[in-house]
Amino acid sequence: MRLDQWLWAVRVYKSRNSAAEAIKGGLVKVNGERSKPAHEPKPGEMITARVGIMTRTVRFLAAPKSRVSAKLVADFAEDLTPPEEREKRREPNLLPPGFRPKGAGRPTKRERRALDDLEE
């Protein structure tokens, strides 16, 4: 099974396309080295994947036939993510409401209305 398929099947990424894009972008490493989406992982390989602000670490155990339920993920992947990484997800967003990063362009009509609602 391809690496991008496996990351999607064990619910590291929400879609296979986002898994493939993350691998191509260098956000996924197999045993500390960059890989390709078509890489066939072997049992025991360590896979680190950057998902949002968190870096997940999983060990490849087996390849499922298709996407598995959350309960069955433990049969195919061992989650070794440190607790500090999981805490990153719970930290509040420190950006002020209505913040737009530089270079984001002009707000759309919908975004402008949302900004106006924040000001009221």
PDB file of N, CA and C in Angstrom:
ATOM      1  N   MET A   1       0.849  -1.178   0.000  1.00  0.00           N
ATOM      2  CA  MET A   1       0.000   0.000   0.000  1.00  0.00           C
ATOM      3  C   MET A   1       0.892   1.238   0.000  1.00  0.00           C
ATOM      4  N   ARG A   2       0.503   2.222  -0.789  1.00  0.00           N
ATOM      5  CA  ARG A   2       1.259   3.472  -0.884  1.00  0.00           C
ATOM      6  C   ARG A   2       1.197   4.235   0.435  1.00  0.00           C
ATOM      7  N   LEU A   3       2.220   5.061   0.682  1.00  0.00           N
ATOM      8  CA  LEU A   3       2.284   5.830   1.919  1.00  0.00           C
ATOM      9  C   LEU A   3       1.113   6.800   2.043  1.00  0.00           C
ATOM     10  N   ASP A   4       0.756   7.486   0.944  1.00  0.00           N
ATOM     11  CA  ASP A   4      -0.355   8.441   1.027  1.00  0.00           C
ATOM     12  C   ASP A   4      -1.676   7.718   1.320  1.00  0.00           C
ATOM     13  N   GLN A   5      -1.866   6.535   0.749  1.00  0.00           N
ATOM     14  CA  GLN A   5      -3.067   5.750   1.026  1.00  0.00           C
ATOM     15  C   GLN A   5      -3.107   5.324   2.487  1.00  0.00           C
ATOM     16  N   TRP A   6      -1.956   4.894   3.001  1.00  0.00           N
ATOM     17  CA  TRP A   6      -1.897   4.416   4.379  1.00  0.00           C
ATOM     18  C   TRP A   6      -2.172   5.547   5.371  1.00  0.00           C
ATOM     19  N   LEU A   7      -1.577   6.725   5.133  1.00  0.00           N
ATOM     20  CA  LEU A   7      -1.812   7.865   6.026  1.00  0.00           C
ATOM     21  C   LEU A   7      -3.290   8.246   6.049  1.00  0.00           C
ATOM     22  N   TRP A   8      -3.962   8.126   4.921  1.00  0.00           N
ATOM     23  CA  TRP A   8      -5.395   8.397   4.858  1.00  0.00           C
ATOM     24  C   TRP A   8      -6.174   7.270   5.545  1.00  0.00           C
ATOM     25  N   ALA A   9      -5.790   6.020   5.296  1.00  0.00           N
ATOM     26  CA  ALA A   9      -6.527   4.867   5.820  1.00  0.00           C
ATOM     27  C   ALA A   9      -6.475   4.793   7.343  1.00  0.00           C
ATOM     28  N   VAL A  10      -5.357   5.219   7.951  1.00  0.00           N
ATOM     29  CA  VAL A  10      -5.246   5.162   9.415  1.00  0.00           C
ATOM     30  C   VAL A  10      -5.564   6.514  10.047  1.00  0.00           C
ATOM     31  N   ARG A  11      -6.193   7.394   9.277  1.00  0.00           N
ATOM     32  CA  ARG A  11      -6.761   8.652   9.765  1.00  0.00           C
ATOM     33  C   ARG A  11      -5.745   9.657  10.297  1.00  0.00           C
ATOM     34  N   VAL A  12      -4.558   9.698   9.691  1.00  0.00           N
ATOM     35  CA  VAL A  12      -3.606  10.758  10.031  1.00  0.00           C
ATOM     36  C   VAL A  12      -4.016  12.017   9.286  1.00  0.00           C
ATOM     37  N   TYR A  13      -4.428  11.865   8.025  1.00  0.00           N
ATOM     38  CA  TYR A  13      -4.924  12.981   7.215  1.00  0.00           C
ATOM     39  C   TYR A  13      -6.361  12.703   6.818  1.00  0.00           C
ATOM     40  N   LYS A  14      -7.128  13.763   6.590  1.00  0.00           N
ATOM     41  CA  LYS A  14      -8.553  13.621   6.285  1.00  0.00           C
ATOM     42  C   LYS A  14      -8.820  13.129   4.868  1.00  0.00           C
ATOM     43  N   SER A  15      -7.883  13.380   3.953  1.00  0.00           N
ATOM     44  CA  SER A  15      -8.082  12.908   2.577  1.00  0.00           C
ATOM     45  C   SER A  15      -6.755  12.394   2.026  1.00  0.00           C
ATOM     46  N   ARG A  16      -6.854  11.556   1.030  1.00  0.00           N
ATOM     47  CA  ARG A  16      -5.639  11.015   0.417  1.00  0.00           C
ATOM     48  C   ARG A  16      -4.884  12.128  -0.299  1.00  0.00           C
ATOM     49  N   ASN A  17      -5.623  13.053  -0.888  1.00  0.00           N
ATOM     50  CA  ASN A  17      -4.995  14.163  -1.586  1.00  0.00           C
ATOM     51  C   ASN A  17      -4.189  15.029  -0.620  1.00  0.00           C
ATOM     52  N   SER A  18      -4.744  15.314   0.558  1.00  0.00           N
ATOM     53  CA  SER A  18      -3.999  16.131   1.522  1.00  0.00           C
ATOM     54  C   SER A  18      -2.778  15.373   2.036  1.00  0.00           C
ATOM     55  N   ALA A  19      -2.870  14.057   2.146  1.00  0.00           N
ATOM     56  CA  ALA A  19      -1.719  13.243   2.549  1.00  0.00           C
ATOM     57  C   ALA A  19      -0.625  13.307   1.483  1.00  0.00           C
ATOM     58  N   ALA A  20      -1.007  13.193   0.219  1.00  0.00           N
ATOM     59  CA  ALA A  20      -0.032  13.248  -0.869  1.00  0.00           C
ATOM     60  C   ALA A  20       0.628  14.625  -0.945  1.00  0.00           C
ATOM     61  N   GLU A  21      -0.167  15.690  -0.760  1.00  0.00           N
ATOM     62  CA  GLU A  21       0.391  17.048  -0.789  1.00  0.00           C
ATOM     63  C   GLU A  21       1.363  17.255   0.372  1.00  0.00           C
ATOM     64  N   ALA A  22       1.042  16.729   1.538  1.00  0.00           N
ATOM     65  CA  ALA A  22       1.928  16.859   2.700  1.00  0.00           C
ATOM     66  C   ALA A  22       3.243  16.126   2.457  1.00  0.00           C
ATOM     67  N   ILE A  23       3.170  14.956   1.845  1.00  0.00           N
ATOM     68  CA  ILE A  23       4.382  14.193   1.556  1.00  0.00           C
ATOM     69  C   ILE A  23       5.242  14.944   0.548  1.00  0.00           C
ATOM     70  N   LYS A  24       4.631  15.452  -0.510  1.00  0.00           N
ATOM     71  CA  LYS A  24       5.370  16.208  -1.529  1.00  0.00           C
ATOM     72  C   LYS A  24       5.973  17.483  -0.946  1.00  0.00           C
ATOM     73  N   GLY A  25       5.273  18.084   0.026  1.00  0.00           N
ATOM     74  CA  GLY A  25       5.744  19.315   0.646  1.00  0.00           C
ATOM     75  C   GLY A  25       6.794  19.094   1.720  1.00  0.00           C
ATOM     76  N   GLY A  26       7.160  17.858   1.986  1.00  0.00           N
ATOM     77  CA  GLY A  26       8.193  17.569   2.974  1.00  0.00           C
ATOM     78  C   GLY A  26       7.690  17.551   4.405  1.00  0.00           C
ATOM     79  N   LEU A  27       6.377  17.490   4.616  1.00  0.00           N
ATOM     80  CA  LEU A  27       5.826  17.475   5.969  1.00  0.00           C
ATOM     81  C   LEU A  27       5.778  16.071   6.562  1.00  0.00           C
ATOM     82  N   VAL A  28       6.047  15.065   5.735  1.00  0.00           N
ATOM     83  CA  VAL A  28       6.028  13.674   6.192  1.00  0.00           C
ATOM     84  C   VAL A  28       7.413  13.084   5.973  1.00  0.00           C
ATOM     85  N   LYS A  29       7.937  12.427   7.011  1.00  0.00           N
ATOM     86  CA  LYS A  29       9.241  11.782   6.906  1.00  0.00           C
ATOM     87  C   LYS A  29       9.129  10.338   7.360  1.00  0.00           C
ATOM     88  N   VAL A  30       9.838   9.473   6.656  1.00  0.00           N
ATOM     89  CA  VAL A  30       9.878   8.060   6.995  1.00  0.00           C
ATOM     90  C   VAL A  30      11.281   7.775   7.512  1.00  0.00           C
ATOM     91  N   ASN A  31      11.375   7.355   8.761  1.00  0.00           N
ATOM     92  CA  ASN A  31      12.665   7.128   9.421  1.00  0.00           C
ATOM     93  C   ASN A  31      13.575   8.351   9.319  1.00  0.00           C
ATOM     94  N   GLY A  32      12.997   9.534   9.434  1.00  0.00           N
ATOM     95  CA  GLY A  32      13.766  10.773   9.440  1.00  0.00           C
ATOM     96  C   GLY A  32      14.141  11.314   8.071  1.00  0.00           C
ATOM     97  N   GLU A  33      13.719  10.670   6.998  1.00  0.00           N
ATOM     98  CA  GLU A  33      14.070  11.110   5.649  1.00  0.00           C
ATOM     99  C   GLU A  33      12.807  11.389   4.844  1.00  0.00           C
ATOM    100  N   ARG A  34      12.922  12.346   3.911  1.00  0.00           N
ATOM    101  CA  ARG A  34      11.791  12.648   3.030  1.00  0.00           C
ATOM    102  C   ARG A  34      11.460  11.434   2.180  1.00  0.00           C
ATOM    103  N   SER A  35      10.228  11.365   1.760  1.00  0.00           N
ATOM    104  CA  SER A  35       9.766  10.222   0.995  1.00  0.00           C
ATOM    105  C   SER A  35       8.889  10.694  -0.150  1.00  0.00           C
ATOM    106  N   LYS A  36       8.371   9.753  -0.906  1.00  0.00           N
ATOM    107  CA  LYS A  36       7.436  10.045  -1.985  1.00  0.00           C
ATOM    108  C   LYS A  36       6.096   9.421  -1.638  1.00  0.00           C
ATOM    109  N   PRO A  37       5.004   9.941  -2.231  1.00  0.00           N
ATOM    110  CA  PRO A  37       3.688   9.364  -1.936  1.00  0.00           C
ATOM    111  C   PRO A  37       3.572   7.876  -2.284  1.00  0.00           C
ATOM    112  N   ALA A  38       4.342   7.409  -3.255  1.00  0.00           N
ATOM    113  CA  ALA A  38       4.246   6.021  -3.697  1.00  0.00           C
ATOM    114  C   ALA A  38       5.122   5.073  -2.869  1.00  0.00           C
ATOM    115  N   HIS A  39       5.836   5.591  -1.868  1.00  0.00           N
ATOM    116  CA  HIS A  39       6.686   4.752  -1.023  1.00  0.00           C
ATOM    117  C   HIS A  39       5.850   3.671  -0.352  1.00  0.00           C
ATOM    118  N   GLU A  40       6.350   2.437  -0.351  1.00  0.00           N
ATOM    119  CA  GLU A  40       5.649   1.321   0.300  1.00  0.00           C
ATOM    120  C   GLU A  40       6.266   1.130   1.685  1.00  0.00           C
ATOM    121  N   PRO A  41       5.560   1.563   2.753  1.00  0.00           N
ATOM    122  CA  PRO A  41       6.133   1.408   4.087  1.00  0.00           C
ATOM    123  C   PRO A  41       6.253  -0.059   4.494  1.00  0.00           C
ATOM    124  N   LYS A  42       7.260  -0.333   5.330  1.00  0.00           N
ATOM    125  CA  LYS A  42       7.497  -1.684   5.823  1.00  0.00           C
ATOM    126  C   LYS A  42       7.233  -1.723   7.328  1.00  0.00           C
ATOM    127  N   PRO A  43       6.843  -2.855   7.869  1.00  0.00           N
ATOM    128  CA  PRO A  43       6.555  -2.942   9.307  1.00  0.00           C
ATOM    129  C   PRO A  43       7.740  -2.454  10.146  1.00  0.00           C
ATOM    130  N   GLY A  44       7.426  -1.634  11.130  1.00  0.00           N
ATOM    131  CA  GLY A  44       8.451  -1.101  12.024  1.00  0.00           C
ATOM    132  C   GLY A  44       8.963   0.275  11.650  1.00  0.00           C
ATOM    133  N   GLU A  45       8.648   0.769  10.455  1.00  0.00           N
ATOM    134  CA  GLU A  45       9.121   2.089  10.043  1.00  0.00           C
ATOM    135  C   GLU A  45       8.420   3.179  10.848  1.00  0.00           C
ATOM    136  N   MET A  46       9.203   4.199  11.238  1.00  0.00           N
ATOM    137  CA  MET A  46       8.684   5.342  11.978  1.00  0.00           C
ATOM    138  C   MET A  46       8.295   6.429  10.985  1.00  0.00           C
ATOM    139  N   ILE A  47       7.078   6.920  11.098  1.00  0.00           N
ATOM    140  CA  ILE A  47       6.583   7.953  10.194  1.00  0.00           C
ATOM    141  C   ILE A  47       6.198   9.162  11.031  1.00  0.00           C
ATOM    142  N   THR A  48       6.804  10.323  10.711  1.00  0.00           N
ATOM    143  CA  THR A  48       6.447  11.569  11.386  1.00  0.00           C
ATOM    144  C   THR A  48       5.714  12.443  10.381  1.00  0.00           C
ATOM    145  N   ALA A  49       4.559  12.946  10.793  1.00  0.00           N
ATOM    146  CA  ALA A  49       3.719  13.733   9.892  1.00  0.00           C
ATOM    147  C   ALA A  49       3.296  15.008  10.596  1.00  0.00           C
ATOM    148  N   ARG A  50       3.504  16.127   9.933  1.00  0.00           N
ATOM    149  CA  ARG A  50       3.074  17.429  10.467  1.00  0.00           C
ATOM    150  C   ARG A  50       1.619  17.634  10.051  1.00  0.00           C
ATOM    151  N   VAL A  51       0.728  17.714  11.043  1.00  0.00           N
ATOM    152  CA  VAL A  51      -0.701  17.888  10.798  1.00  0.00           C
ATOM    153  C   VAL A  51      -1.114  19.157  11.533  1.00  0.00           C
ATOM    154  N   GLY A  52      -1.319  20.234  10.782  1.00  0.00           N
ATOM    155  CA  GLY A  52      -1.632  21.514  11.412  1.00  0.00           C
ATOM    156  C   GLY A  52      -0.434  22.002  12.196  1.00  0.00           C
ATOM    157  N   ILE A  53      -0.615  22.285  13.493  1.00  0.00           N
ATOM    158  CA  ILE A  53       0.502  22.729  14.317  1.00  0.00           C
ATOM    159  C   ILE A  53       1.135  21.576  15.084  1.00  0.00           C
ATOM    160  N   MET A  54       0.574  20.379  14.938  1.00  0.00           N
ATOM    161  CA  MET A  54       1.047  19.216  15.681  1.00  0.00           C
ATOM    162  C   MET A  54       1.869  18.293  14.787  1.00  0.00           C
ATOM    163  N   THR A  55       2.923  17.688  15.348  1.00  0.00           N
ATOM    164  CA  THR A  55       3.709  16.696  14.624  1.00  0.00           C
ATOM    165  C   THR A  55       3.392  15.331  15.215  1.00  0.00           C
ATOM    166  N   ARG A  56       2.742  14.490  14.415  1.00  0.00           N
ATOM    167  CA  ARG A  56       2.370  13.150  14.871  1.00  0.00           C
ATOM    168  C   ARG A  56       3.456  12.157  14.499  1.00  0.00           C
ATOM    169  N   THR A  57       3.727  11.226  15.413  1.00  0.00           N
ATOM    170  CA  THR A  57       4.696  10.169  15.189  1.00  0.00           C
ATOM    171  C   THR A  57       3.971   8.842  15.297  1.00  0.00           C
ATOM    172  N   VAL A  58       4.048   8.043  14.238  1.00  0.00           N
ATOM    173  CA  VAL A  58       3.387   6.733  14.231  1.00  0.00           C
ATOM    174  C   VAL A  58       4.346   5.669  13.708  1.00  0.00           C
ATOM    175  N   ARG A  59       4.150   4.446  14.166  1.00  0.00           N
ATOM    176  CA  ARG A  59       4.941   3.313  13.683  1.00  0.00           C
ATOM    177  C   ARG A  59       4.036   2.469  12.797  1.00  0.00           C
ATOM    178  N   PHE A  60       4.520   2.154  11.609  1.00  0.00           N
ATOM    179  CA  PHE A  60       3.763   1.331  10.661  1.00  0.00           C
ATOM    180  C   PHE A  60       3.768  -0.106  11.163  1.00  0.00           C
ATOM    181  N   LEU A  61       2.578  -0.692  11.317  1.00  0.00           N
ATOM    182  CA  LEU A  61       2.455  -2.090  11.734  1.00  0.00           C
ATOM    183  C   LEU A  61       1.985  -2.973  10.588  1.00  0.00           C
ATOM    184  N   ALA A  62       0.933  -2.537   9.889  1.00  0.00           N
ATOM    185  CA  ALA A  62       0.381  -3.312   8.782  1.00  0.00           C
ATOM    186  C   ALA A  62      -0.416  -2.385   7.883  1.00  0.00           C
ATOM    187  N   ALA A  63      -0.794  -2.909   6.722  1.00  0.00           N
ATOM    188  CA  ALA A  63      -1.575  -2.121   5.764  1.00  0.00           C
ATOM    189  C   ALA A  63      -3.005  -2.661   5.713  1.00  0.00           C
ATOM    190  N   PRO A  64      -3.991  -1.803   5.981  1.00  0.00           N
ATOM    191  CA  PRO A  64      -5.385  -2.255   5.882  1.00  0.00           C
ATOM    192  C   PRO A  64      -5.824  -2.343   4.424  1.00  0.00           C
ATOM    193  N   LYS A  65      -6.907  -3.065   4.177  1.00  0.00           N
ATOM    194  CA  LYS A  65      -7.424  -3.176   2.807  1.00  0.00           C
ATOM    195  C   LYS A  65      -8.029  -1.856   2.337  1.00  0.00           C
ATOM    196  N   SER A  66      -8.630  -1.106   3.262  1.00  0.00           N
ATOM    197  CA  SER A  66      -9.209   0.196   2.939  1.00  0.00           C
ATOM    198  C   SER A  66      -9.217   1.031   4.214  1.00  0.00           C
ATOM    199  N   ARG A  67      -9.833   2.207   4.172  1.00  0.00           N
ATOM    200  CA  ARG A  67      -9.891   3.085   5.340  1.00  0.00           C
ATOM    201  C   ARG A  67     -10.584   2.365   6.495  1.00  0.00           C
ATOM    202  N   VAL A  68     -10.009   2.478   7.691  1.00  0.00           N
ATOM    203  CA  VAL A  68     -10.542   1.756   8.839  1.00  0.00           C
ATOM    204  C   VAL A  68     -11.181   2.720   9.829  1.00  0.00           C
ATOM    205  N   SER A  69     -12.037   2.185  10.682  1.00  0.00           N
ATOM    206  CA  SER A  69     -12.672   3.011  11.704  1.00  0.00           C
ATOM    207  C   SER A  69     -11.628   3.399  12.749  1.00  0.00           C
ATOM    208  N   ALA A  70     -11.923   4.419  13.525  1.00  0.00           N
ATOM    209  CA  ALA A  70     -10.988   4.916  14.528  1.00  0.00           C
ATOM    210  C   ALA A  70     -10.638   3.829  15.544  1.00  0.00           C
ATOM    211  N   LYS A  71     -11.572   2.937  15.824  1.00  0.00           N
ATOM    212  CA  LYS A  71     -11.323   1.866  16.786  1.00  0.00           C
ATOM    213  C   LYS A  71     -10.276   0.880  16.292  1.00  0.00           C
ATOM    214  N   LEU A  72     -10.212   0.666  14.982  1.00  0.00           N
ATOM    215  CA  LEU A  72      -9.312  -0.337  14.407  1.00  0.00           C
ATOM    216  C   LEU A  72      -7.951   0.215  14.012  1.00  0.00           C
ATOM    217  N   VAL A  73      -7.737   1.509  14.147  1.00  0.00           N
ATOM    218  CA  VAL A  73      -6.460   2.109  13.745  1.00  0.00           C
ATOM    219  C   VAL A  73      -5.299   1.486  14.515  1.00  0.00           C
ATOM    220  N   ALA A  74      -5.499   1.125  15.774  1.00  0.00           N
ATOM    221  CA  ALA A  74      -4.434   0.557  16.609  1.00  0.00           C
ATOM    222  C   ALA A  74      -3.887  -0.755  16.041  1.00  0.00           C
ATOM    223  N   ASP A  75      -4.661  -1.455  15.220  1.00  0.00           N
ATOM    224  CA  ASP A  75      -4.194  -2.697  14.610  1.00  0.00           C
ATOM    225  C   ASP A  75      -3.183  -2.447  13.493  1.00  0.00           C
ATOM    226  N   PHE A  76      -3.170  -1.233  12.942  1.00  0.00           N
ATOM    227  CA  PHE A  76      -2.333  -0.938  11.782  1.00  0.00           C
ATOM    228  C   PHE A  76      -1.264   0.117  12.042  1.00  0.00           C
ATOM    229  N   ALA A  77      -1.424   0.908  13.115  1.00  0.00           N
ATOM    230  CA  ALA A  77      -0.460   1.967  13.422  1.00  0.00           C
ATOM    231  C   ALA A  77      -0.347   2.127  14.928  1.00  0.00           C
ATOM    232  N   GLU A  78       0.890   2.270  15.404  1.00  0.00           N
ATOM    233  CA  GLU A  78       1.130   2.529  16.821  1.00  0.00           C
ATOM    234  C   GLU A  78       1.438   4.008  16.974  1.00  0.00           C
ATOM    235  N   ASP A  79       0.609   4.714  17.728  1.00  0.00           N
ATOM    236  CA  ASP A  79       0.770   6.155  17.894  1.00  0.00           C
ATOM    237  C   ASP A  79       1.801   6.438  18.978  1.00  0.00           C
ATOM    238  N   LEU A  80       2.907   7.079  18.600  1.00  0.00           N
ATOM    239  CA  LEU A  80       3.992   7.401  19.522  1.00  0.00           C
ATOM    240  C   LEU A  80       4.133   8.903  19.720  1.00  0.00           C
ATOM    241  N   THR A  81       3.086   9.658  19.407  1.00  0.00           N
ATOM    242  CA  THR A  81       3.124  11.112  19.522  1.00  0.00           C
ATOM    243  C   THR A  81       3.309  11.506  20.983  1.00  0.00           C
ATOM    244  N   PRO A  82       4.325  12.350  21.298  1.00  0.00           N
ATOM    245  CA  PRO A  82       4.518  12.763  22.686  1.00  0.00           C
ATOM    246  C   PRO A  82       3.357  13.624  23.187  1.00  0.00           C
ATOM    247  N   PRO A  83       3.078  13.604  24.496  1.00  0.00           N
ATOM    248  CA  PRO A  83       1.961  14.378  25.046  1.00  0.00           C
ATOM    249  C   PRO A  83       2.086  15.883  24.802  1.00  0.00           C
ATOM    250  N   GLU A  84       3.323  16.411  24.768  1.00  0.00           N
ATOM    251  CA  GLU A  84       3.490  17.856  24.518  1.00  0.00           C
ATOM    252  C   GLU A  84       2.940  18.258  23.155  1.00  0.00           C
ATOM    253  N   GLU A  85       3.069  17.375  22.169  1.00  0.00           N
ATOM    254  CA  GLU A  85       2.554  17.673  20.829  1.00  0.00           C
ATOM    255  C   GLU A  85       1.023  17.712  20.848  1.00  0.00           C
ATOM    256  N   ARG A  86       0.417  16.820  21.594  1.00  0.00           N
ATOM    257  CA  ARG A  86      -1.046  16.810  21.687  1.00  0.00           C
ATOM    258  C   ARG A  86      -1.557  18.059  22.395  1.00  0.00           C
ATOM    259  N   GLU A  87      -0.786  18.588  23.329  1.00  0.00           N
ATOM    260  CA  GLU A  87      -1.184  19.803  24.038  1.00  0.00           C
ATOM    261  C   GLU A  87      -1.199  21.012  23.111  1.00  0.00           C
ATOM    262  N   LYS A  88      -0.379  21.010  22.073  1.00  0.00           N
ATOM    263  CA  LYS A  88      -0.332  22.127  21.118  1.00  0.00           C
ATOM    264  C   LYS A  88      -1.703  22.356  20.495  1.00  0.00           C
ATOM    265  N   ARG A  89      -2.435  21.272  20.287  1.00  0.00           N
ATOM    266  CA  ARG A  89      -3.745  21.380  19.649  1.00  0.00           C
ATOM    267  C   ARG A  89      -4.752  22.062  20.567  1.00  0.00           C
ATOM    268  N   ARG A  90      -4.546  21.937  21.860  1.00  0.00           N
ATOM    269  CA  ARG A  90      -5.492  22.499  22.818  1.00  0.00           C
ATOM    270  C   ARG A  90      -5.190  23.956  23.160  1.00  0.00           C
ATOM    271  N   GLU A  91      -3.991  24.442  22.809  1.00  0.00           N
ATOM    272  CA  GLU A  91      -3.630  25.821  23.119  1.00  0.00           C
ATOM    273  C   GLU A  91      -4.534  26.775  22.341  1.00  0.00           C
ATOM    274  N   PRO A  92      -4.952  27.854  22.984  1.00  0.00           N
ATOM    275  CA  PRO A  92      -5.821  28.799  22.269  1.00  0.00           C
ATOM    276  C   PRO A  92      -5.058  29.540  21.186  1.00  0.00           C
ATOM    277  N   ASN A  93      -5.770  29.951  20.185  1.00  0.00           N
ATOM    278  CA  ASN A  93      -5.182  30.727  19.105  1.00  0.00           C
ATOM    279  C   ASN A  93      -4.918  32.138  19.633  1.00  0.00           C
ATOM    280  N   LEU A  94      -3.667  32.583  19.583  1.00  0.00           N
ATOM    281  CA  LEU A  94      -3.293  33.864  20.168  1.00  0.00           C
ATOM    282  C   LEU A  94      -3.452  35.038  19.209  1.00  0.00           C
ATOM    283  N   LEU A  95      -3.962  34.784  18.018  1.00  0.00           N
ATOM    284  CA  LEU A  95      -4.169  35.868  17.067  1.00  0.00           C
ATOM    285  C   LEU A  95      -5.437  36.640  17.429  1.00  0.00           C
ATOM    286  N   PRO A  96      -5.403  37.955  17.279  1.00  0.00           N
ATOM    287  CA  PRO A  96      -6.610  38.721  17.594  1.00  0.00           C
ATOM    288  C   PRO A  96      -7.722  38.416  16.593  1.00  0.00           C
ATOM    289  N   PRO A  97      -8.984  38.539  17.009  1.00  0.00           N
ATOM    290  CA  PRO A  97     -10.075  38.262  16.074  1.00  0.00           C
ATOM    291  C   PRO A  97     -10.054  39.255  14.916  1.00  0.00           C
ATOM    292  N   GLY A  98     -10.306  38.761  13.744  1.00  0.00           N
ATOM    293  CA  GLY A  98     -10.298  39.622  12.558  1.00  0.00           C
ATOM    294  C   GLY A  98      -8.919  39.836  11.974  1.00  0.00           C
ATOM    295  N   PHE A  99      -7.895  39.156  12.490  1.00  0.00           N
ATOM    296  CA  PHE A  99      -6.525  39.318  11.987  1.00  0.00           C
ATOM    297  C   PHE A  99      -6.413  38.743  10.582  1.00  0.00           C
ATOM    298  N   ARG A 100      -5.805  39.512   9.695  1.00  0.00           N
ATOM    299  CA  ARG A 100      -5.544  39.046   8.334  1.00  0.00           C
ATOM    300  C   ARG A 100      -4.054  39.136   8.081  1.00  0.00           C
ATOM    301  N   PRO A 101      -3.423  38.032   7.727  1.00  0.00           N
ATOM    302  CA  PRO A 101      -1.984  38.075   7.483  1.00  0.00           C
ATOM    303  C   PRO A 101      -1.642  38.959   6.284  1.00  0.00           C
ATOM    304  N   LYS A 102      -0.456  39.544   6.324  1.00  0.00           N
ATOM    305  CA  LYS A 102      -0.009  40.402   5.242  1.00  0.00           C
ATOM    306  C   LYS A 102       0.085  39.577   3.959  1.00  0.00           C
ATOM    307  N   GLY A 103      -0.411  40.122   2.892  1.00  0.00           N
ATOM    308  CA  GLY A 103      -0.371  39.419   1.610  1.00  0.00           C
ATOM    309  C   GLY A 103      -1.573  38.522   1.375  1.00  0.00           C
ATOM    310  N   ALA A 104      -2.537  38.531   2.284  1.00  0.00           N
ATOM    311  CA  ALA A 104      -3.722  37.689   2.126  1.00  0.00           C
ATOM    312  C   ALA A 104      -4.674  38.263   1.084  1.00  0.00           C
ATOM    313  N   GLY A 105      -4.429  39.498   0.666  1.00  0.00           N
ATOM    314  CA  GLY A 105      -5.277  40.101  -0.349  1.00  0.00           C
ATOM    315  C   GLY A 105      -6.484  40.797   0.247  1.00  0.00           C
ATOM    316  N   ARG A 106      -7.257  41.349  -0.633  1.00  0.00           N
ATOM    317  CA  ARG A 106      -8.446  42.085  -0.220  1.00  0.00           C
ATOM    318  C   ARG A 106      -9.507  41.106   0.258  1.00  0.00           C
ATOM    319  N   PRO A 107     -10.194  41.423   1.373  1.00  0.00           N
ATOM    320  CA  PRO A 107     -11.227  40.500   1.857  1.00  0.00           C
ATOM    321  C   PRO A 107     -12.400  40.409   0.889  1.00  0.00           C
ATOM    322  N   THR A 108     -12.975  39.232   0.808  1.00  0.00           N
ATOM    323  CA  THR A 108     -14.161  39.048  -0.026  1.00  0.00           C
ATOM    324  C   THR A 108     -15.358  39.679   0.686  1.00  0.00           C
ATOM    325  N   LYS A 109     -16.469  39.743  -0.021  1.00  0.00           N
ATOM    326  CA  LYS A 109     -17.666  40.328   0.565  1.00  0.00           C
ATOM    327  C   LYS A 109     -18.083  39.553   1.819  1.00  0.00           C
ATOM    328  N   ARG A 110     -17.980  38.244   1.754  1.00  0.00           N
ATOM    329  CA  ARG A 110     -18.339  37.403   2.895  1.00  0.00           C
ATOM    330  C   ARG A 110     -17.401  37.669   4.082  1.00  0.00           C
ATOM    331  N   GLU A 111     -16.088  37.734   3.811  1.00  0.00           N
ATOM    332  CA  GLU A 111     -15.117  38.009   4.874  1.00  0.00           C
ATOM    333  C   GLU A 111     -15.326  39.407   5.458  1.00  0.00           C
ATOM    334  N   ARG A 112     -15.650  40.370   4.609  1.00  0.00           N
ATOM    335  CA  ARG A 112     -15.889  41.736   5.072  1.00  0.00           C
ATOM    336  C   ARG A 112     -17.081  41.791   6.015  1.00  0.00           C
ATOM    337  N   ARG A 113     -18.134  41.066   5.679  1.00  0.00           N
ATOM    338  CA  ARG A 113     -19.313  41.010   6.545  1.00  0.00           C
ATOM    339  C   ARG A 113     -18.985  40.373   7.892  1.00  0.00           C
ATOM    340  N   ALA A 114     -18.159  39.328   7.866  1.00  0.00           N
ATOM    341  CA  ALA A 114     -17.747  38.684   9.123  1.00  0.00           C
ATOM    342  C   ALA A 114     -16.932  39.638   9.972  1.00  0.00           C
ATOM    343  N   LEU A 115     -16.054  40.420   9.340  1.00  0.00           N
ATOM    344  CA  LEU A 115     -15.266  41.424  10.064  1.00  0.00           C
ATOM    345  C   LEU A 115     -16.167  42.503  10.653  1.00  0.00           C
ATOM    346  N   ASP A 116     -17.159  42.913   9.895  1.00  0.00           N
ATOM    347  CA  ASP A 116     -18.090  43.923  10.402  1.00  0.00           C
ATOM    348  C   ASP A 116     -18.881  43.402  11.593  1.00  0.00           C
ATOM    349  N   ASP A 117     -19.242  42.108  11.556  1.00  0.00           N
ATOM    350  CA  ASP A 117     -19.972  41.508  12.679  1.00  0.00           C
ATOM    351  C   ASP A 117     -19.106  41.461  13.932  1.00  0.00           C
ATOM    352  N   LEU A 118     -17.787  41.266  13.768  1.00  0.00           N
ATOM    353  CA  LEU A 118     -16.896  41.256  14.919  1.00  0.00           C
ATOM    354  C   LEU A 118     -16.790  42.625  15.568  1.00  0.00           C
ATOM    355  N   GLU A 119     -16.832  43.669  14.757  1.00  0.00           N
ATOM    356  CA  GLU A 119     -16.681  45.036  15.264  1.00  0.00           C
ATOM    357  C   GLU A 119     -17.911  45.482  16.047  1.00  0.00           C
ATOM    358  N   GLU A 120     -19.060  44.937  15.739  1.00  0.00           N
ATOM    359  CA  GLU A 120     -20.306  45.366  16.406  1.00  0.00           C
ATOM    360  C   GLU A 120     -20.474  44.765  17.766  1.00  0.00           C
TER     361      GLU A 120
END
